Protein backbone atom coordinates (compact mmCIF):
# COMPACT_ATOMS: atom_id res chain seq x y z
CA MET A 1 -31.02 -60.50 -1.68
CA MET A 2 -31.76 -57.77 -3.32
CA GLY A 3 -35.42 -58.61 -4.18
CA LEU A 4 -35.66 -58.80 -0.30
CA MET A 5 -34.23 -55.63 0.44
CA LYS A 6 -36.63 -53.84 -1.75
CA THR A 7 -39.54 -55.83 -0.21
CA LEU A 8 -38.38 -54.38 2.58
CA PHE A 9 -37.46 -51.10 2.39
CA GLY A 10 -38.49 -49.95 -0.77
CA ASP A 11 -36.87 -48.93 -4.18
CA TYR A 12 -35.46 -45.42 -4.06
CA SER A 13 -38.46 -43.53 -5.77
CA SER A 14 -40.74 -45.72 -3.21
CA ARG A 15 -39.32 -44.26 -0.27
CA GLU A 16 -39.30 -40.88 -1.85
CA LEU A 17 -42.78 -40.60 -2.80
CA LYS A 18 -43.18 -41.35 0.68
CA SER A 19 -41.93 -38.34 1.74
CA ILE A 20 -44.12 -36.53 -0.33
CA TYR A 21 -47.54 -37.98 0.28
CA PRO A 22 -47.71 -35.64 3.30
CA ILE A 23 -47.82 -32.78 1.41
CA VAL A 24 -50.30 -33.64 -1.18
CA ASP A 25 -52.60 -35.01 2.24
CA LYS A 26 -51.92 -31.35 3.45
CA ILE A 27 -53.55 -30.14 0.14
CA GLU A 28 -56.05 -32.37 -0.07
CA ALA A 29 -57.33 -31.85 3.05
CA MET A 30 -58.07 -27.77 2.42
CA ALA A 31 -60.17 -28.56 -1.18
CA ASP A 32 -63.37 -27.70 0.42
CA ALA A 33 -61.88 -24.53 2.08
CA TYR A 34 -61.08 -23.39 -1.36
CA LYS A 35 -63.98 -24.96 -3.29
CA ALA A 36 -65.84 -22.27 -0.77
CA MET A 37 -64.43 -19.03 -1.77
CA THR A 38 -65.22 -16.51 -4.32
CA ASP A 39 -63.23 -15.35 -6.86
CA ALA A 40 -62.03 -12.43 -5.91
CA GLN A 41 -61.08 -14.25 -2.68
CA LEU A 42 -58.80 -17.19 -5.07
CA GLN A 43 -57.48 -14.20 -6.34
CA ALA A 44 -56.65 -12.45 -3.73
CA LYS A 45 -54.33 -15.39 -2.43
CA THR A 46 -51.71 -14.35 -5.15
CA ALA A 47 -50.94 -11.23 -3.00
CA GLU A 48 -51.23 -12.81 0.35
CA PHE A 49 -48.64 -15.31 -1.02
CA LYS A 50 -46.33 -12.23 -2.04
CA GLU A 51 -46.22 -10.75 1.35
CA ARG A 52 -46.02 -13.49 3.17
CA LEU A 53 -42.72 -14.93 1.01
CA ALA A 54 -41.49 -11.29 1.69
CA ASN A 55 -41.93 -11.50 5.39
CA GLY A 56 -39.41 -14.74 5.57
CA GLU A 57 -42.11 -17.81 4.65
CA THR A 58 -40.40 -20.14 2.25
CA LEU A 59 -41.99 -21.49 -0.77
CA ASP A 60 -42.19 -24.87 0.68
CA ASP A 61 -43.93 -23.07 3.67
CA ILE A 62 -46.90 -21.70 1.56
CA LEU A 63 -46.68 -24.99 -0.72
CA PRO A 64 -49.92 -26.72 0.19
CA GLU A 65 -51.89 -23.64 0.02
CA ALA A 66 -50.28 -22.04 -3.69
CA PHE A 67 -51.16 -25.77 -4.95
CA ALA A 68 -54.69 -25.86 -3.70
CA THR A 69 -54.96 -22.30 -4.95
CA VAL A 70 -53.70 -23.28 -8.30
CA ARG A 71 -55.77 -26.28 -8.34
CA GLU A 72 -59.58 -25.34 -7.50
CA THR A 73 -58.23 -22.51 -10.19
CA ALA A 74 -57.68 -24.43 -12.85
CA ASP A 75 -61.11 -26.85 -11.87
CA ARG A 76 -62.75 -23.05 -12.34
CA VAL A 77 -61.09 -21.65 -14.99
CA LEU A 78 -60.39 -25.12 -17.34
CA GLY A 79 -62.73 -28.12 -16.19
CA LEU A 80 -59.50 -29.50 -15.10
CA ARG A 81 -58.97 -30.59 -11.63
CA PRO A 82 -55.47 -31.92 -10.61
CA TYR A 83 -55.79 -35.50 -9.23
CA ARG A 84 -53.83 -36.68 -6.85
CA VAL A 85 -51.09 -37.95 -8.74
CA GLN A 86 -50.85 -34.48 -10.38
CA LEU A 87 -50.02 -33.23 -7.21
CA VAL A 88 -47.45 -35.47 -6.90
CA GLY A 89 -46.14 -34.88 -10.08
CA GLY A 90 -45.79 -31.13 -9.14
CA VAL A 91 -43.79 -31.45 -5.52
CA VAL A 92 -41.33 -33.50 -7.52
CA LEU A 93 -41.04 -30.91 -10.10
CA HIS A 94 -40.68 -28.13 -7.07
CA GLN A 95 -37.72 -29.92 -5.83
CA GLY A 96 -35.92 -29.78 -9.12
CA ARG A 97 -36.28 -33.46 -9.89
CA ILE A 98 -37.85 -35.37 -12.89
CA ALA A 99 -41.37 -36.45 -12.62
CA GLU A 100 -42.31 -39.49 -15.25
CA MET A 101 -45.76 -39.46 -16.17
CA LYS A 102 -47.23 -41.58 -19.42
CA THR A 103 -49.13 -39.55 -22.25
CA GLY A 104 -52.26 -38.46 -20.95
CA GLU A 105 -51.71 -38.08 -17.54
CA GLY A 106 -51.79 -34.57 -17.47
CA LYS A 107 -48.01 -33.05 -17.45
CA THR A 108 -48.78 -30.05 -18.87
CA LEU A 109 -51.46 -29.39 -15.99
CA VAL A 110 -48.79 -30.75 -13.89
CA ALA A 111 -46.60 -27.56 -14.74
CA THR A 112 -49.06 -25.06 -13.34
CA LEU A 113 -48.66 -25.88 -9.78
CA PRO A 114 -44.97 -25.35 -9.39
CA ALA A 115 -44.95 -22.50 -12.10
CA TYR A 116 -47.23 -20.35 -10.36
CA LEU A 117 -45.58 -21.56 -6.95
CA ASN A 118 -42.43 -20.19 -7.74
CA ALA A 119 -43.51 -17.40 -9.83
CA LEU A 120 -44.67 -15.95 -6.75
CA THR A 121 -40.98 -15.00 -6.05
CA GLY A 122 -41.43 -12.43 -9.10
CA ARG A 123 -37.31 -13.64 -10.63
CA GLY A 124 -39.24 -15.58 -13.33
CA VAL A 125 -40.43 -18.96 -14.29
CA HIS A 126 -39.24 -20.41 -17.26
CA ILE A 127 -41.30 -23.40 -18.91
CA VAL A 128 -39.66 -24.87 -22.25
CA THR A 129 -40.99 -27.51 -24.75
CA VAL A 130 -39.59 -28.95 -27.71
CA ASN A 131 -41.80 -26.96 -30.24
CA ASP A 132 -43.51 -23.42 -31.30
CA TYR A 133 -46.95 -24.98 -31.26
CA LEU A 134 -47.05 -27.19 -27.81
CA ALA A 135 -45.66 -23.04 -26.73
CA LYS A 136 -48.14 -21.33 -27.73
CA ARG A 137 -50.90 -23.73 -27.26
CA ASP A 138 -49.92 -24.07 -23.43
CA SER A 139 -48.87 -20.22 -22.85
CA GLU A 140 -52.60 -19.57 -24.10
CA TRP A 141 -54.78 -23.17 -22.75
CA MET A 142 -52.93 -22.85 -19.44
CA GLY A 143 -52.01 -19.53 -19.09
CA LYS A 144 -55.49 -18.61 -18.45
CA VAL A 145 -55.05 -20.12 -14.75
CA HIS A 146 -51.93 -17.75 -14.29
CA ARG A 147 -53.60 -15.05 -15.58
CA PHE A 148 -56.24 -15.51 -13.70
CA LEU A 149 -54.42 -15.34 -10.68
CA GLY A 150 -53.17 -12.06 -11.65
CA LEU A 151 -49.72 -13.00 -12.87
CA LYS A 152 -48.76 -12.00 -16.03
CA VAL A 153 -47.37 -14.95 -19.20
CA GLY A 154 -45.05 -14.89 -21.92
CA LEU A 155 -44.33 -16.35 -24.88
CA ILE A 156 -40.99 -17.15 -26.97
CA VAL A 157 -41.50 -18.25 -30.28
CA HIS A 158 -39.97 -17.51 -33.62
CA GLY A 159 -39.89 -14.33 -35.49
CA LEU A 160 -40.41 -11.98 -32.03
CA THR A 161 -38.54 -8.70 -32.00
CA SER A 162 -35.57 -7.83 -28.93
CA LYS A 163 -38.52 -5.49 -27.22
CA GLU A 164 -41.01 -8.48 -27.47
CA ARG A 165 -38.69 -10.81 -26.72
CA GLN A 166 -37.84 -8.55 -23.90
CA GLU A 167 -41.42 -8.51 -22.56
CA ALA A 168 -41.89 -11.82 -23.03
CA TYR A 169 -39.32 -12.43 -20.46
CA ALA A 170 -40.14 -9.76 -18.24
CA ALA A 171 -43.50 -11.96 -17.56
CA ASP A 172 -44.10 -13.77 -14.63
CA ILE A 173 -44.37 -17.37 -16.35
CA THR A 174 -42.51 -17.56 -19.77
CA TYR A 175 -43.39 -20.43 -22.25
CA GLY A 176 -40.87 -21.01 -24.95
CA THR A 177 -38.65 -23.74 -26.91
CA ASN A 178 -35.66 -25.21 -26.14
CA ASN A 179 -33.71 -23.68 -29.19
CA GLU A 180 -35.13 -19.97 -28.86
CA MET A 181 -34.30 -19.86 -24.95
CA GLY A 182 -31.03 -21.08 -25.67
CA PHE A 183 -29.93 -18.89 -28.90
CA ASP A 184 -31.50 -15.81 -27.15
CA TYR A 185 -28.98 -16.77 -23.83
CA LEU A 186 -26.37 -17.19 -26.67
CA ARG A 187 -27.12 -13.46 -27.91
CA ASP A 188 -27.33 -12.09 -24.49
CA ASN A 189 -23.71 -12.95 -24.34
CA MET A 190 -22.60 -11.02 -27.67
CA CYS A 191 -24.02 -8.26 -26.22
CA ILE A 192 -22.17 -5.65 -25.06
CA TYR A 193 -24.92 -3.16 -23.43
CA SER A 194 -27.19 -4.01 -20.99
CA THR A 195 -30.22 -3.03 -21.81
CA GLU A 196 -29.39 -5.30 -25.49
CA LEU A 197 -30.40 -8.44 -23.00
CA VAL A 198 -33.58 -10.15 -23.52
CA GLN A 199 -33.47 -12.47 -20.89
CA ARG A 200 -33.65 -11.21 -16.53
CA GLY A 201 -32.12 -14.28 -14.99
CA HIS A 202 -32.47 -17.88 -14.56
CA ALA A 203 -33.88 -19.06 -11.31
CA PHE A 204 -36.50 -21.51 -11.93
CA ALA A 205 -37.51 -23.93 -15.00
CA ILE A 206 -39.71 -26.85 -15.91
CA VAL A 207 -38.53 -28.80 -18.67
CA ASP A 208 -41.00 -30.80 -20.82
CA GLU A 209 -39.93 -33.80 -22.25
CA VAL A 210 -36.68 -33.49 -20.33
CA ASP A 211 -35.12 -36.95 -21.84
CA SER A 212 -35.70 -35.65 -25.74
CA ILE A 213 -34.46 -31.42 -24.57
CA LEU A 214 -31.42 -32.69 -22.31
CA ILE A 215 -30.17 -35.73 -23.78
CA ASP A 216 -31.39 -35.76 -27.76
CA GLU A 217 -31.64 -32.66 -28.97
CA ALA A 218 -28.64 -32.04 -26.73
CA ARG A 219 -26.28 -33.96 -29.16
CA THR A 220 -26.81 -30.99 -31.46
CA PRO A 221 -25.05 -27.66 -30.40
CA LEU A 222 -26.70 -24.50 -30.62
CA ILE A 223 -24.09 -22.74 -32.69
CA ILE A 224 -24.04 -18.63 -33.11
CA SER A 225 -21.63 -16.17 -35.33
CA GLY A 226 -21.40 -12.87 -36.67
CA GLN A 227 -21.68 -11.62 -40.06
CA GLY A 228 -18.84 -13.35 -42.13
CA GLU A 229 -18.68 -11.02 -44.80
CA LYS A 230 -17.79 -8.09 -42.20
CA SER A 231 -15.60 -10.09 -40.02
CA THR A 232 -13.43 -10.64 -43.38
CA GLN A 233 -13.44 -7.00 -44.80
CA LEU A 234 -12.39 -5.63 -41.39
CA TYR A 235 -9.50 -8.16 -40.96
CA ASP A 236 -8.26 -7.05 -44.52
CA MET A 237 -8.73 -3.26 -43.18
CA ALA A 238 -7.01 -4.26 -40.13
CA GLU A 239 -4.34 -5.60 -41.99
CA MET A 240 -4.04 -2.59 -44.47
CA PHE A 241 -3.93 -0.30 -41.45
CA VAL A 242 -0.97 -2.00 -39.78
CA SER A 243 1.12 -2.79 -42.60
CA ARG A 244 1.47 1.19 -42.18
CA LEU A 245 2.37 1.72 -38.50
CA LYS A 246 5.93 1.91 -36.97
CA LYS A 247 6.53 -0.98 -33.99
CA GLN A 248 8.55 -0.67 -30.50
CA VAL A 249 10.68 -3.61 -29.77
CA VAL A 250 10.91 -4.30 -25.67
CA VAL A 251 13.65 -7.06 -25.20
CA GLN A 252 14.80 -7.90 -21.82
CA VAL A 253 18.50 -8.46 -20.78
CA ASP A 254 19.84 -9.53 -17.28
CA ASN A 255 15.46 -9.55 -16.10
CA LYS A 256 15.89 -5.74 -16.92
CA GLU A 257 13.97 -4.26 -19.87
CA GLU A 258 15.54 -2.35 -22.77
CA GLU A 259 14.10 -0.79 -25.39
CA ASP A 260 14.88 -0.11 -29.00
CA VAL A 261 15.04 3.92 -29.29
CA ASN A 262 11.92 4.75 -31.29
CA ILE A 263 10.16 7.92 -30.84
CA ASP A 264 7.48 8.02 -33.09
CA ALA A 265 6.57 4.20 -32.26
CA ASP A 266 3.54 3.25 -33.23
CA TYR A 267 2.75 -0.22 -31.55
CA VAL A 268 4.78 -1.71 -28.59
CA VAL A 269 5.98 -5.39 -29.14
CA ASP A 270 7.21 -7.19 -26.36
CA GLU A 271 9.12 -10.26 -27.34
CA LYS A 272 9.33 -12.75 -24.34
CA ALA A 273 6.05 -12.49 -23.31
CA LYS A 274 4.39 -12.22 -27.21
CA SER A 275 2.38 -8.97 -26.57
CA ALA A 276 1.73 -5.96 -28.96
CA THR A 277 0.00 -3.29 -27.68
CA LEU A 278 -0.78 0.26 -29.03
CA THR A 279 0.94 3.55 -28.32
CA ALA A 280 -0.89 6.72 -27.72
CA ARG A 281 -0.20 7.40 -31.17
CA GLY A 282 -0.82 4.58 -32.40
CA ILE A 283 -4.54 4.54 -31.29
CA SER A 284 -5.00 8.40 -32.71
CA LYS A 285 -3.92 6.68 -35.91
CA ALA A 286 -6.36 4.44 -35.52
CA GLU A 287 -9.40 6.89 -34.76
CA GLU A 288 -8.40 8.37 -37.64
CA PHE A 289 -8.38 6.04 -40.07
CA PHE A 290 -11.23 4.04 -38.91
CA HIS A 291 -13.57 7.04 -38.18
CA VAL A 292 -14.15 6.42 -35.28
CA GLU A 293 -14.23 9.31 -31.39
CA ASN A 294 -12.85 6.84 -29.27
CA LEU A 295 -10.93 3.22 -29.83
CA SER A 296 -11.82 2.36 -26.25
CA ASP A 297 -15.33 2.61 -26.03
CA PRO A 298 -17.43 -0.79 -25.76
CA SER A 299 -19.24 -0.26 -29.43
CA ASN A 300 -15.79 -0.32 -31.04
CA ALA A 301 -14.94 -3.69 -29.45
CA THR A 302 -14.96 -6.25 -32.63
CA LEU A 303 -12.35 -3.33 -34.44
CA ASN A 304 -10.18 -3.43 -31.17
CA HIS A 305 -10.23 -7.02 -31.31
CA HIS A 306 -8.99 -7.04 -35.52
CA ILE A 307 -6.67 -4.18 -34.83
CA ASN A 308 -4.90 -6.46 -32.17
CA GLN A 309 -5.10 -9.70 -34.02
CA ALA A 310 -3.01 -7.76 -36.67
CA ILE A 311 -0.68 -6.05 -34.73
CA LYS A 312 0.09 -8.76 -32.75
CA ALA A 313 0.60 -10.66 -35.91
CA HIS A 314 3.62 -8.40 -37.63
CA GLY A 315 5.09 -7.59 -34.13
CA THR A 316 5.05 -11.28 -32.52
CA MET A 317 4.70 -13.90 -35.60
CA LYS A 318 7.61 -15.00 -37.88
CA ARG A 319 6.43 -17.21 -40.63
CA ASP A 320 7.83 -20.79 -40.79
CA ILE A 321 8.90 -20.27 -37.11
CA ASP A 322 5.21 -19.17 -35.64
CA TYR A 323 3.22 -20.90 -38.64
CA VAL A 324 3.48 -21.80 -42.14
CA VAL A 325 1.76 -20.84 -45.21
CA LYS A 326 1.40 -24.29 -47.38
CA ASP A 327 -1.12 -24.19 -50.94
CA GLY A 328 -2.07 -21.13 -49.81
CA GLU A 329 -3.44 -21.90 -46.34
CA VAL A 330 -1.76 -21.25 -42.84
CA ILE A 331 -1.44 -23.83 -40.92
């Protein structure tokens, strides 16, 4: 019965491909017109497409013409002309789907089609590969097509400085490996100032070897951390500092707060909320002890965190109630 249904109506992929074929027919119908264009006329298409997008047209509206432009450019610049099946693959990728192609069917060339189209928005396109060699090769090889059409191409590989990474991500199309781009994302999330960010956003990405990157590689998480020795030293210094401070305990009686009288308190402890907060006096002492002008400055966020953890430990945590020490370790 299932076999009969499939014969009558086709499987999912077949039905979806039928909806794509008319688009591909339009692209192929433009071949002669684009072949007759000069290089300058072909290159002028990029500015034309951007203007049309600014005037309200969508990427889907200009897709056939944009693909026809890339197809003709690839033929002139690389000597490679995308076949019909490759045009189908380009449409599938633009739609955010997975295009399964065998080795040798030209996946690298296929990626130039949706990459160019989506780069026209100016928001950036990421092309993710599995290693530095492929990223560098593709950025140089396929990058010729994009550069011919007036787009900037960037490359993210191991060993780049933050400035070089910012420039690469600022390009219209950026090639890179999944690990490098993943770690750049993690590092960006640890930045305090926006000027330190290297990535400028995430609009459209093409993932090569998607099964490997999003399934096999994804089983090994990307882990990033700060310097262990510096962190340990800060904990020791915070402990030394807080141990000298005076605390003020706030308790609640009949839902009304009552405070122990302690005018010279450096930090206040709320036993019910299990929280501790530095007073103005405590902040001044911290700034003097750690030689900083403003403890609240974002650049001192790590220091502030360590101090807050220390006063919380001293003010709210009680041994053998909130924690246990066994064999020299806190458990």
